[in-house]
């Protein structure tokens, strides 16, 4: 498995889950799980997931990010 790729088919990710999780945890990067080449979910460092939860979940976090993103 190429840990530098951002997108990983779900079947390949399942076969190499511990390696993929280690990359996300140690390198503090985001990796996407894909099905038919479309992103379905993301693996993120726990700290980021906890921040998302602390502001009210994914929808609220996306709202905050959109409001504060450079234009």
Protein backbone atom coordinates (compact mmCIF):
# COMPACT_ATOMS: atom_id res chain seq x y z
CA UNK A 1 0.00 0.00 0.00
CA UNK A 2 1.33 3.44 -0.95
CA UNK A 3 1.00 5.51 2.22
CA UNK A 4 1.61 8.75 0.31
CA UNK A 5 -1.57 8.37 -1.75
CA UNK A 6 -4.51 10.25 -0.32
CA UNK A 7 -7.22 8.00 -1.78
CA UNK A 8 -7.46 4.28 -0.95
CA UNK A 9 -10.05 1.79 -2.23
CA UNK A 10 -12.04 0.40 0.69
CA UNK A 11 -11.03 -3.22 -0.05
CA UNK A 12 -7.31 -2.32 -0.08
CA UNK A 13 -7.71 -0.20 3.05
CA UNK A 14 -9.41 -3.08 4.84
CA UNK A 15 -6.51 -5.39 3.98
CA UNK A 16 -3.97 -2.84 5.26
CA UNK A 17 -5.95 -1.04 7.93
CA UNK A 18 -3.33 -1.06 10.69
CA UNK A 19 -0.71 0.36 8.31
CA UNK A 20 -3.09 3.03 7.05
CA UNK A 21 -4.15 4.02 10.57
CA UNK A 22 -0.50 4.26 11.65
CA UNK A 23 0.19 6.64 8.76
CA UNK A 24 -2.76 8.85 9.73
CA UNK A 25 -1.81 8.83 13.41
CA UNK A 26 1.96 9.33 13.07
CA UNK A 27 2.10 11.65 10.04
CA UNK A 28 -1.06 13.54 11.06
CA UNK A 29 -2.54 13.32 7.56
CA UNK A 30 -6.00 12.70 6.10
CA UNK A 31 -6.65 9.60 4.00
CA UNK A 32 -9.84 8.99 2.02
CA UNK A 33 -11.62 5.68 1.56
CA UNK A 34 -13.04 5.27 -1.92
CA UNK A 35 -15.59 3.10 -3.65
CA UNK A 36 -15.62 3.13 -7.45
CA UNK A 37 -13.07 5.97 -7.30
CA UNK A 38 -15.43 8.19 -5.30
CA UNK A 39 -14.56 9.36 -1.81
CA UNK A 40 -16.92 7.83 0.74
CA UNK A 41 -15.23 8.53 4.09
CA UNK A 42 -12.06 9.92 5.61
CA UNK A 43 -9.61 8.74 8.21
CA UNK A 44 -8.36 11.69 10.23
CA UNK A 45 -6.09 12.03 13.24
CA UNK A 46 -8.01 11.61 16.50
CA UNK A 47 -7.24 15.19 17.53
CA UNK A 48 -9.05 16.49 14.45
CA UNK A 49 -12.02 14.21 15.04
CA UNK A 50 -12.24 15.44 18.62
CA UNK A 51 -12.17 19.08 17.46
CA UNK A 52 -14.97 18.35 14.99
CA UNK A 53 -17.04 16.82 17.80
CA UNK A 54 -16.28 19.72 20.16
CA UNK A 55 -17.86 22.27 17.80
CA UNK A 56 -21.02 20.24 17.26
CA UNK A 57 -20.13 17.68 14.61
CA UNK A 58 -19.17 17.60 10.94
CA UNK A 59 -21.86 19.97 9.65
CA UNK A 60 -21.02 22.66 12.21
CA UNK A 61 -17.27 22.22 11.63
CA UNK A 62 -17.80 22.60 7.86
CA UNK A 63 -19.86 25.75 8.46
CA UNK A 64 -17.10 27.24 10.63
CA UNK A 65 -14.41 26.35 8.11
CA UNK A 66 -16.37 27.81 5.18
CA UNK A 67 -16.93 31.05 7.11
CA UNK A 68 -13.22 31.37 7.94
CA UNK A 69 -11.61 30.02 4.78
CA UNK A 70 -9.47 32.42 2.74
CA UNK A 71 -11.41 33.86 -0.17
